[in-house]
Every structure is written in C-alpha cells, then in structure tokens.
Amino acid sequence: MRVFKFGGASVKDAEGVRNVAEVLKKAGYKDTLIIVSAMGKTTNALELVVDHYFNQPEELSNAILELKHFHLQIVEALFGPLSEPMNKRVGELVSELKSLFKHNKATNYSFVYDQVVGFGELLSTSIINAYLNHVDIQCEWLDARKCVKTDAYYRDANLDWELTQKTINAQVSKNKLVISQGFIGSDENNFTTTLGREGSDYTAAIFAYALNAESVTIWKDVPGVLNGDPRVFENTKLLNQISYTEAIELAFYGASVIHPKTLQPLQRKEIPLYVRSFLNPDGAGTSVSKGKTLEPHIPCYILKPKQVLIRLSSLDFSFMVEDNISEVFALLYQYQMRVDLIQNSAISFSVCVNNKYNRLEELLQILRSKFKVTVFENVDLYTVRHFDAEALTSIEAKKDNILLEQRAQETIQYVVEN
C-alpha cells in the first residue's frame, strides 16, 4: 500500500477538496490509504471552543455554531442540491460535541482539549469521503481512534506500537482506497487522545509502518522540502533529496514541513517519504530515504518563534552539577515544557523551551524557590544547519539582540530577543 497525507491547507475549502480528487486521479489511488487533517484553521477554532468552555462559557454556543456553518458552507459548495445527507452528518458530529460539553465532569484542560479538537478531523474526513464517492472514487471511511492506540498523556500521547499494529491490520482494507484521520487516537478507556500539534504526518508514518507500506507522500502547499520557510526567509531553494538522518535533524530543530516524530518509524523499515505539492502534483518534490545526501548541499534555516529562555543559577553560587540539572529536567517534564536548547556553565544553566501548554508560571514558581531565575519570554530561536560564511554574516546582523549562541560542527543556534 501507499499512504498519502493531506494537511489542513490542502482541504481548507471546497476547491481544495476538489483538488484532492484531482491529485488522486493523477497520482493513482489503488491500494492507497489517505490521512487527512482538519480543514483550514479548524483546529485553531476548536482550541478557541475549549478556551471558551473553561473561561468564557457565554461564548461557547456561538463558537460551535461558527464551526458548524464553516463546514456546512463547504458541503453546500461541494454537493449543491444533494447536500442533505452530509448536512445531517455534520449536524450529528456537532451534536456529539455539544453533548460532550453537557455531560463532561472533567476539569483537566488537556483531557477536555483532546476530546474536543479531534472533531476537526472527523468532520473533514467525513466530508471528503462523501465527496470522493460522489465523484466515483470509491472510498471507505475509517475511524483512526479504533486503530491508533496510545497512553493517556493527553495532547502529546505516546503510542502503544504493538497494539496499534494489530488494530491497524485488523481494521484497514488492504485492497481499497481508505480515508482516515490524522492527529487522533485513543487510550485504553477509548477516550480520544492527540499526538501533538501537526501530528497528522506522524499518523501517516504510523499507518505506513504497520502496513509495511511502499511509500508515504505528504502533499503540501510548497514544492517540497525547502532550505527555509519561505514565509520567513528570502530566496529559499528546493532540497531535491535528503537522508532520514538529515530530515530528523531538521525536524528536531523545528523545520515545519515534516513532523519530528514522522521519520523514526519510516527509517526503521526504510520506507521512503516524498514531500510534493498538491498545487503541482506532477512536480518531483523532495525524496527522503536511506543514505541520500543533502542535494543541493546548502545552509538550511529554521526559526522557532515565541520561545522562552530561562536562565538559572544557584542561590549560594555553588556549582550547577548533575543533581541540580536532573532536578530541573524533572520539573520541565512535569510541567510539559518541550526543551529546544540547553547550555550550562559552572554556576548557571540556560534552557530554551516551548511553553505550548501555558504552564510557565507554575514552573517558575517552583524554580524561584530553588534558584536565581531570569526569564526572557517571546524570544526567537534560530537554527542554521550546514552554515557557511554568508549564513554567519546574516547572524552577525542580529548580534545586538542575541541572548545566547551555541555552535557545533554542522549547526549554529542563537536565541534572539525581539
């Protein structure tokens, strides 16, 4: 089988859904499984729904109604006078969402978040499945929660690989076009879990690994993997081919085109990954596979915005050694802080983290009782792989705002204050 993944940008409206059908016709869809994200900015809208539930309950109904209208407009544009069956399906899913809030007793934000945001993928795949069948591309809908089994670490769940492989092979029809959801799974109690923001790529890799797929193709709104985000960096260039190792490095440092967890299962079974443009499905894109060198061999630029730099030093000027550092890492894990860079000296320890779960103040309260703490919020973390003289010159232009710099043989990183 082959696995195709379409992200939210590719299905943001009715035109995008029609284009998915055209891509399938051009690329072929025999023995193929499609993983699809929520439509457009639906996940953001559902995050707002969760926030309203906890903080502005008077706004909850309107937020859900907007979500419903957005999807019904797409249904109307796709099906016209034949919209009624899909209108009913959208209505059923929205009613299920409302019922969840009505009967929920949980106060755990992350748990409620996971039960809610997955409705984006359920809505998108239901609509796309119906449209593909409508245009005579026979397709079967599959609930990913029956296949992707995880622990209960909500918002960034860990996979049960053995059980997931069993359930995928039991649920997936091997000789049909199948559509399923990215991003979501379920725990042992069948509560919905999520694999982390942008986790649909990872879902594609999970299914590919379990099915021993011949390849995975991620369809994006860019020609392939570029040496920088074109929204941030000028004169970006297409990388024709890269190795698994290089792709993992780029993903680890924050290259947004490939989810960091995606490559590990593919590498284990040497399943090639292709990143291609849904706007130009005839383009070759980028291939990621075993042993391929970086071609062309040029600097790769990565930006992680809105980071937090925390500097710690001991209150009595004693050394920051193993017991101090291990305590800090235990706290970072406890408060769900994703570490992107560390640097330490004899009496200080600096760490750049992503506060995506908004638990910074809780963490700082504990740290300030044990260490002298300096915090820089909303900083940018720049990484350059395979840097050259020109790249270093661009870094020098920012030197007045550089809070931290770290250099290795192949990679330079710097934290910049806005």
Protein backbone atom coordinates (compact mmCIF):
# COMPACT_ATOMS: atom_id res chain seq x y z
CA MET A 1 0.00 0.00 0.00
CA ARG A 2 0.88 3.66 -0.32
CA VAL A 3 0.00 6.27 2.27
CA PHE A 4 -0.94 9.82 1.25
CA LYS A 5 -1.33 12.64 3.76
CA PHE A 6 -3.21 15.87 3.05
CA GLY A 7 -2.89 18.72 5.54
CA GLY A 8 -5.35 21.41 6.53
CA ALA A 9 -4.13 23.87 3.88
CA SER A 10 -4.91 21.38 1.13
CA VAL A 11 -8.55 20.98 2.24
CA LYS A 12 -9.26 24.47 3.56
CA ASP A 13 -12.29 24.94 1.28
CA ALA A 14 -14.41 23.23 -1.38
CA GLU A 15 -11.85 23.98 -4.09
CA GLY A 16 -9.21 22.22 -2.01
CA VAL A 17 -11.40 19.12 -1.61
CA ARG A 18 -11.99 19.02 -5.36
CA ASN A 19 -8.24 19.30 -5.87
CA VAL A 20 -7.65 16.27 -3.61
CA ALA A 21 -9.80 14.26 -6.01
CA GLU A 22 -7.76 15.57 -8.97
CA VAL A 23 -4.48 14.72 -7.25
CA LEU A 24 -5.73 11.18 -6.62
CA LYS A 25 -6.72 10.82 -10.27
CA LYS A 26 -3.25 11.94 -11.40
CA ALA A 27 -1.19 10.08 -8.79
CA GLY A 28 -3.40 6.99 -8.70
CA TYR A 29 -5.27 5.67 -5.71
CA LYS A 30 -5.20 1.90 -5.99
CA ASP A 31 -4.21 0.25 -2.68
CA THR A 32 -3.89 3.65 -1.05
CA LEU A 33 -4.69 4.98 2.40
CA ILE A 34 -5.31 8.72 2.85
CA ILE A 35 -4.68 10.54 6.11
CA VAL A 36 -6.35 13.96 6.34
CA SER A 37 -6.08 16.85 8.79
CA ALA A 38 -8.83 19.22 9.90
CA MET A 39 -9.94 21.77 7.31
CA GLY A 40 -8.03 25.05 7.22
CA LYS A 41 -7.83 26.64 10.67
CA THR A 42 -10.44 24.35 12.24
CA THR A 43 -8.06 23.10 14.95
CA ASN A 44 -7.46 26.70 15.99
CA ALA A 45 -11.21 27.26 16.08
CA LEU A 46 -11.70 24.18 18.25
CA GLU A 47 -8.92 25.31 20.58
CA LEU A 48 -10.92 28.52 20.99
CA VAL A 49 -14.02 26.41 21.74
CA VAL A 50 -12.11 24.67 24.54
CA ASP A 51 -10.92 28.02 25.89
CA HIS A 52 -14.48 29.37 25.87
CA TYR A 53 -15.71 26.28 27.72
CA PHE A 54 -13.29 26.94 30.57
CA ASN A 55 -13.03 30.74 30.55
CA GLN A 56 -15.92 32.30 28.59
CA PRO A 57 -18.84 29.85 28.64
CA GLU A 58 -21.20 32.53 27.35
CA GLU A 59 -19.27 32.45 24.03
CA LEU A 60 -19.30 28.66 23.65
CA SER A 61 -22.53 28.28 21.65
CA ASN A 62 -21.54 30.93 19.10
CA ALA A 63 -18.10 29.38 18.60
CA ILE A 64 -19.63 25.95 17.93
CA LEU A 65 -22.21 27.49 15.60
CA GLU A 66 -19.44 29.18 13.58
CA LEU A 67 -17.65 25.85 13.30
CA LYS A 68 -20.83 24.18 12.04
CA HIS A 69 -21.55 26.92 9.48
CA PHE A 70 -17.99 26.77 8.14
CA HIS A 71 -18.32 23.08 7.33
CA LEU A 72 -21.89 23.37 6.03
CA GLN A 73 -20.74 26.03 3.55
CA ILE A 74 -18.14 23.63 2.20
CA VAL A 75 -20.76 20.87 1.98
CA GLU A 76 -23.11 23.16 0.06
CA ALA A 77 -20.34 24.14 -2.37
CA LEU A 78 -19.42 20.50 -2.99
CA PHE A 79 -22.83 18.82 -3.20
CA GLY A 80 -25.32 21.58 -4.03
CA PRO A 81 -28.88 20.19 -4.02
CA LEU A 82 -27.53 16.79 -2.90
CA SER A 83 -26.17 18.21 0.38
CA GLU A 84 -28.77 16.83 2.77
CA PRO A 85 -27.02 13.54 3.77
CA MET A 86 -23.78 15.39 4.59
CA ASN A 87 -25.64 18.23 6.32
CA LYS A 88 -27.12 15.55 8.55
CA ARG A 89 -23.68 14.01 9.23
CA VAL A 90 -22.18 17.39 10.13
CA GLY A 91 -25.16 18.04 12.40
CA GLU A 92 -24.64 14.68 14.13
CA LEU A 93 -20.99 15.40 14.84
CA VAL A 94 -21.75 18.89 16.13
CA SER A 95 -24.50 17.48 18.36
CA GLU A 96 -21.99 14.95 19.69
CA LEU A 97 -19.62 17.83 20.50
CA LYS A 98 -22.36 19.74 22.33
CA SER A 99 -23.31 16.61 24.25
CA LEU A 100 -19.71 16.17 25.33
CA PHE A 101 -19.74 19.59 26.99
CA LYS A 102 -23.15 18.99 28.52
CA HIS A 103 -22.10 15.77 30.23
CA ASN A 104 -18.44 16.46 30.93
CA LYS A 105 -17.35 16.34 34.56
CA ALA A 106 -13.59 16.51 33.97
CA THR A 107 -11.63 19.62 34.94
CA ASN A 108 -8.37 18.53 33.32
CA TYR A 109 -7.82 21.00 30.47
CA SER A 110 -5.65 18.63 28.43
CA PHE A 111 -8.21 15.83 28.67
CA VAL A 112 -11.06 18.08 27.51
CA TYR A 113 -8.84 19.50 24.77
CA ASP A 114 -8.26 16.06 23.28
CA GLN A 115 -11.94 15.12 23.40
CA VAL A 116 -12.82 18.32 21.50
CA VAL A 117 -10.13 19.12 18.90
CA GLY A 118 -10.37 15.73 17.17
CA PHE A 119 -13.80 16.70 15.83
CA GLY A 120 -11.98 18.72 13.17
CA GLU A 121 -10.54 15.57 11.62
CA LEU A 122 -13.82 13.67 11.98
CA LEU A 123 -15.65 16.44 10.11
CA SER A 124 -13.06 16.83 7.33
CA THR A 125 -12.72 13.12 6.58
CA SER A 126 -16.48 12.59 6.62
CA ILE A 127 -16.97 15.36 4.06
CA ILE A 128 -14.04 14.30 1.84
CA ASN A 129 -15.05 10.64 1.95
CA ALA A 130 -18.56 11.54 0.81
CA TYR A 131 -17.22 13.78 -1.97
CA LEU A 132 -14.81 11.16 -3.31
CA ASN A 133 -17.63 8.64 -3.53
CA HIS A 134 -19.80 11.36 -5.09
CA VAL A 135 -17.28 11.72 -7.96
CA ASP A 136 -16.96 7.94 -8.38
CA ILE A 137 -13.71 7.47 -6.46
CA GLN A 138 -14.79 4.59 -4.26
CA CYS A 139 -13.55 5.26 -0.75
CA GLU A 140 -14.03 3.75 2.71
CA TRP A 141 -14.09 5.86 5.91
CA LEU A 142 -12.13 4.58 8.92
CA ASP A 143 -12.11 5.95 12.47
CA ALA A 144 -8.42 6.32 13.40
CA ARG A 145 -9.30 6.04 17.08
CA LYS A 146 -10.01 2.36 16.53
CA CYS A 147 -6.50 1.91 15.16
CA VAL A 148 -4.07 4.30 16.84
CA LYS A 149 -3.79 3.19 20.47
CA THR A 150 -1.94 5.33 22.98
CA ASP A 151 -1.40 6.05 26.64
CA ALA A 152 -3.35 8.78 28.44
CA TYR A 153 -0.73 11.54 28.13
CA TYR A 154 -3.27 13.95 26.67
CA ARG A 155 -2.21 16.47 23.99
CA ASP A 156 1.02 14.58 23.26
CA ALA A 157 0.15 10.91 23.66
CA ASN A 158 2.68 8.09 23.40
CA LEU A 159 1.94 5.22 21.04
CA ASP A 160 1.39 1.61 22.02
CA TRP A 161 3.17 0.26 18.95
CA GLU A 162 2.34 -3.42 19.39
CA LEU A 163 -1.39 -2.89 19.91
CA THR A 164 -1.55 -0.23 17.18
CA GLN A 165 -0.02 -2.56 14.60
CA LYS A 166 -2.56 -5.25 15.47
CA THR A 167 -5.55 -2.91 15.29
CA ILE A 168 -4.44 -1.26 12.04
CA ASN A 169 -4.00 -4.58 10.30
CA ALA A 170 -7.38 -5.74 11.60
CA GLN A 171 -9.22 -2.57 10.55
CA VAL A 172 -7.66 -1.41 7.26
CA SER A 173 -8.98 -2.84 4.00
CA LYS A 174 -5.84 -3.69 2.03
CA ASN A 175 -7.33 -3.51 -1.48
CA LYS A 176 -9.45 -0.35 -1.25
CA LEU A 177 -8.96 3.37 -1.05
CA VAL A 178 -9.33 4.18 2.66
CA ILE A 179 -9.57 7.60 4.30
CA SER A 180 -8.79 8.19 7.97
CA GLN A 181 -7.88 10.98 10.36
CA GLY A 182 -4.51 12.32 11.32
CA PHE A 183 -3.61 13.58 14.79
CA ILE A 184 -6.04 11.47 16.86
CA GLY A 185 -6.00 8.12 18.63
CA SER A 186 -7.50 6.64 21.79
CA ASP A 187 -6.33 5.34 25.16
CA GLU A 188 -7.20 2.07 26.89
CA ASN A 189 -10.52 3.56 28.05
CA ASN A 190 -11.35 4.67 24.47
CA PHE A 191 -11.06 8.34 25.32
CA THR A 192 -9.73 10.38 22.41
CA THR A 193 -6.05 11.33 22.56
CA THR A 194 -3.96 13.50 20.28
CA LEU A 195 -0.40 13.05 19.05
CA GLY A 196 0.70 16.66 19.38
CA ARG A 197 0.06 19.68 17.16
CA GLU A 198 0.72 18.93 13.48
CA GLY A 199 0.64 15.23 14.32
CA SER A 200 -1.07 14.09 11.12
CA ASP A 201 2.28 13.43 9.42
CA TYR A 202 3.12 11.13 12.31
CA THR A 203 -0.19 9.33 11.85
CA ALA A 204 0.69 8.68 8.21
CA ALA A 205 4.02 7.17 9.30
CA ILE A 206 2.30 5.02 11.94
CA PHE A 207 -0.08 3.51 9.37
CA ALA A 208 2.76 3.06 6.87
CA TYR A 209 4.88 1.24 9.43
CA ALA A 210 2.06 -1.08 10.49
CA LEU A 211 1.07 -1.83 6.88
CA ASN A 212 4.64 -2.17 5.55
CA ALA A 213 3.73 0.49 3.01
CA GLU A 214 5.88 1.03 -0.06
CA SER A 215 5.97 4.82 0.49
CA VAL A 216 4.46 7.83 2.24
CA THR A 217 3.67 11.04 0.36
CA ILE A 218 2.93 14.27 2.20
CA TRP A 219 1.08 16.73 -0.05
CA LYS A 220 1.92 20.33 0.85
CA ASP A 221 1.41 23.84 -0.49
CA VAL A 222 5.16 24.11 -1.21
CA PRO A 223 7.19 22.35 -3.95
CA GLY A 224 8.82 20.05 -1.39
CA VAL A 225 11.25 20.47 1.50
CA LEU A 226 12.85 23.90 1.17
CA ASN A 227 16.00 25.10 2.91
CA GLY A 228 13.88 27.55 4.90
CA ASP A 229 10.31 28.62 5.46
CA PRO A 230 9.54 30.98 2.54
CA ARG A 231 7.26 32.99 4.83
CA VAL A 232 10.29 33.84 6.97
CA PHE A 233 13.42 33.56 4.84
CA GLU A 234 14.13 35.02 1.42
CA ASN A 235 15.35 33.16 -1.68
CA THR A 236 14.61 29.67 -0.37
CA LYS A 237 15.58 26.69 -2.52
CA LEU A 238 14.16 23.21 -3.02
CA LEU A 239 16.06 20.29 -1.50
CA ASN A 240 15.77 17.52 -4.09
CA GLN A 241 16.80 14.75 -1.75
CA ILE A 242 17.83 14.31 1.87
CA SER A 243 18.66 11.40 4.14
CA TYR A 244 16.50 10.21 7.02
CA THR A 245 19.19 11.43 9.40
CA GLU A 246 19.28 14.93 7.93
CA ALA A 247 15.48 15.12 7.84
CA ILE A 248 15.30 14.05 11.50
CA GLU A 249 17.83 16.74 12.41
CA LEU A 250 15.85 19.40 10.53
CA ALA A 251 12.58 18.25 12.11
CA PHE A 252 14.13 18.18 15.59
CA TYR A 253 15.30 21.78 15.23
CA GLY A 254 11.82 22.83 14.11
CA ALA A 255 11.55 22.59 10.33
CA SER A 256 7.78 22.77 9.97
CA VAL A 257 7.43 20.80 6.74
CA ILE A 258 7.92 17.42 8.47
CA HIS A 259 6.67 16.48 11.95
CA PRO A 260 9.60 15.46 14.22
CA LYS A 261 8.20 12.01 15.04
CA THR A 262 7.31 11.15 11.46
CA LEU A 263 10.67 9.93 10.28
CA GLN A 264 11.58 7.46 13.02
CA PRO A 265 9.11 4.68 12.11
CA LEU A 266 9.80 5.19 8.39
CA GLN A 267 13.54 4.89 8.94
CA ARG A 268 13.14 1.66 10.90
CA LYS A 269 11.53 -0.05 7.89
CA GLU A 270 13.30 2.06 5.25
CA ILE A 271 10.01 3.35 3.85
CA PRO A 272 10.74 6.32 1.56
CA LEU A 273 9.00 9.61 2.20
CA TYR A 274 8.07 12.07 -0.54
CA VAL A 275 7.06 15.68 0.03
CA ARG A 276 5.20 17.00 -3.00
CA SER A 277 2.99 19.93 -3.96
CA PHE A 278 -0.77 19.45 -4.18
CA LEU A 279 -0.73 22.57 -6.37
CA ASN A 280 1.62 20.86 -8.84
CA PRO A 281 1.21 17.10 -8.46
CA ASP A 282 3.44 16.48 -11.48
CA GLY A 283 6.44 18.01 -9.69
CA ALA A 284 9.08 15.65 -8.32
CA GLY A 285 9.19 17.28 -4.87
CA THR A 286 11.67 16.05 -2.27
CA SER A 287 12.58 12.43 -1.55
CA VAL A 288 13.70 11.32 1.90
CA SER A 289 15.30 7.90 2.14
CA LYS A 290 18.24 5.91 3.45
CA GLY A 291 21.73 7.15 2.71
CA LYS A 292 20.74 10.01 0.42
CA THR A 293 22.99 13.03 0.75
CA LEU A 294 21.68 16.56 1.06
CA GLU A 295 21.23 17.72 -2.52
CA PRO A 296 21.97 20.53 -3.07
CA HIS A 297 24.34 20.90 -0.09
CA ILE A 298 23.33 24.38 1.15
CA PRO A 299 22.59 26.01 4.52
CA CYS A 300 19.15 25.21 5.97
CA TYR A 301 17.47 27.92 8.06
CA ILE A 302 14.91 27.24 10.79
CA LEU A 303 13.00 29.62 13.06
CA LYS A 304 11.10 28.68 16.21
CA PRO A 305 9.23 31.81 17.36
CA LYS A 306 7.61 32.56 20.73
CA GLN A 307 10.08 30.58 22.82
CA VAL A 308 11.05 31.17 26.45
CA LEU A 309 14.66 31.44 27.60
CA ILE A 310 15.15 30.56 31.28
CA ARG A 311 18.48 31.23 32.99
CA LEU A 312 19.11 29.57 36.34
CA SER A 313 21.94 29.91 38.84
CA SER A 314 22.34 28.56 42.32
CA LEU A 315 21.35 30.83 45.20
CA ASP A 316 24.65 30.23 47.03
CA PHE A 317 26.95 30.33 43.96
CA SER A 318 27.58 26.58 44.20
CA PHE A 319 28.15 24.61 41.01
CA MET A 320 25.25 23.65 38.77
CA VAL A 321 26.03 19.94 38.65
CA GLU A 322 24.19 16.70 37.96
CA ASP A 323 21.78 16.74 40.90
CA ASN A 324 20.68 20.35 40.17
CA ILE A 325 20.31 19.74 36.45
CA SER A 326 18.43 16.46 36.87
CA GLU A 327 16.00 18.26 39.21
CA VAL A 328 15.45 20.97 36.59
CA PHE A 329 14.76 18.41 33.87
CA ALA A 330 12.31 16.57 36.13
CA LEU A 331 10.41 19.84 36.60
CA LEU A 332 10.49 20.62 32.86
CA TYR A 333 8.95 17.21 32.21
CA GLN A 334 6.37 17.62 34.97
CA TYR A 335 5.20 20.96 33.58
CA GLN A 336 5.23 19.76 29.95
CA MET A 337 7.95 22.11 28.70
CA ARG A 338 9.48 20.98 25.40
CA VAL A 339 13.23 21.69 25.55
CA ASP A 340 14.77 23.11 22.37
CA LEU A 341 18.23 24.18 23.55
CA ILE A 342 20.36 23.86 26.69
CA GLN A 343 23.62 25.46 27.78
CA ASN A 344 25.39 25.31 31.12
CA SER A 345 28.45 26.67 32.85
CA ALA A 346 29.90 26.15 36.32
CA ILE A 347 27.25 28.19 38.13
CA SER A 348 24.48 28.72 35.57
CA PHE A 349 22.13 26.72 33.39
CA SER A 350 20.15 28.11 30.44
CA VAL A 351 17.30 26.39 28.68
CA CYS A 352 15.11 27.49 25.77
CA VAL A 353 11.64 25.95 25.98
CA ASN A 354 8.30 25.95 24.21
CA ASN A 355 5.50 26.93 26.59
CA LYS A 356 2.78 25.41 24.40
CA TYR A 357 0.75 24.15 27.38
CA ASN A 358 0.84 27.58 29.12
CA ARG A 359 2.31 26.23 32.35
CA LEU A 360 5.27 28.61 32.56
CA GLU A 361 4.13 30.47 35.67
CA GLU A 362 3.58 27.20 37.55
CA LEU A 363 7.10 26.11 36.66
CA LEU A 364 8.69 29.46 37.53
CA GLN A 365 7.05 29.47 40.95
CA ILE A 366 8.85 26.22 41.80
CA LEU A 367 12.15 27.22 40.18
CA ARG A 368 12.30 30.55 42.04
CA SER A 369 12.14 28.72 45.35
CA LYS A 370 15.30 26.82 44.44
CA PHE A 371 17.33 29.01 42.05
CA LYS A 372 18.02 32.54 40.96
CA VAL A 373 15.86 32.84 37.82
CA THR A 374 15.97 35.20 34.85
CA VAL A 375 13.29 34.81 32.17
CA PHE A 376 13.06 36.14 28.61
CA GLU A 377 9.66 35.49 27.03
CA ASN A 378 8.66 35.64 23.37
CA VAL A 379 12.18 35.10 22.05
CA ASP A 380 13.09 33.59 18.67
CA LEU A 381 15.26 30.51 18.29
CA TYR A 382 17.17 30.42 15.01
CA THR A 383 18.99 27.32 13.80
CA VAL A 384 21.23 27.04 10.75
CA ARG A 385 22.34 23.60 9.56
CA HIS A 386 25.44 23.44 7.31
CA PHE A 387 26.18 27.10 7.90
CA ASP A 388 28.69 28.94 5.75
CA ALA A 389 30.27 32.41 5.76
CA GLU A 390 27.17 34.02 4.29
CA ALA A 391 24.96 32.45 6.95
CA LEU A 392 27.30 33.66 9.71
CA THR A 393 27.15 37.16 8.24
CA SER A 394 23.36 37.12 8.50
CA ILE A 395 23.70 36.08 12.14
CA GLU A 396 26.11 38.93 12.84
CA ALA A 397 23.45 41.38 11.68
CA LYS A 398 21.38 40.33 14.72
CA LYS A 399 24.23 40.36 17.24
CA ASP A 400 22.87 43.23 19.35
CA ASN A 401 19.81 41.15 20.23
CA ILE A 402 21.45 37.75 20.67
CA LEU A 403 20.86 36.38 24.17
CA LEU A 404 22.54 33.02 23.67
CA GLU A 405 24.68 31.41 20.95
CA GLN A 406 25.70 27.78 20.56
CA ARG A 407 27.83 26.35 17.80
CA ALA A 408 28.65 22.79 16.75
CA GLN A 409 30.47 21.46 13.70
CA GLU A 410 27.39 21.42 11.45
CA THR A 411 24.89 23.58 13.32
CA ILE A 412 24.69 27.01 14.88
CA GLN A 413 21.80 28.17 17.08
CA TYR A 414 21.05 31.51 18.59
CA VAL A 415 18.31 32.90 20.78
CA VAL A 416 17.26 36.40 19.74
CA GLU A 417 15.28 38.91 21.76
CA ASN A 418 12.51 40.65 19.80
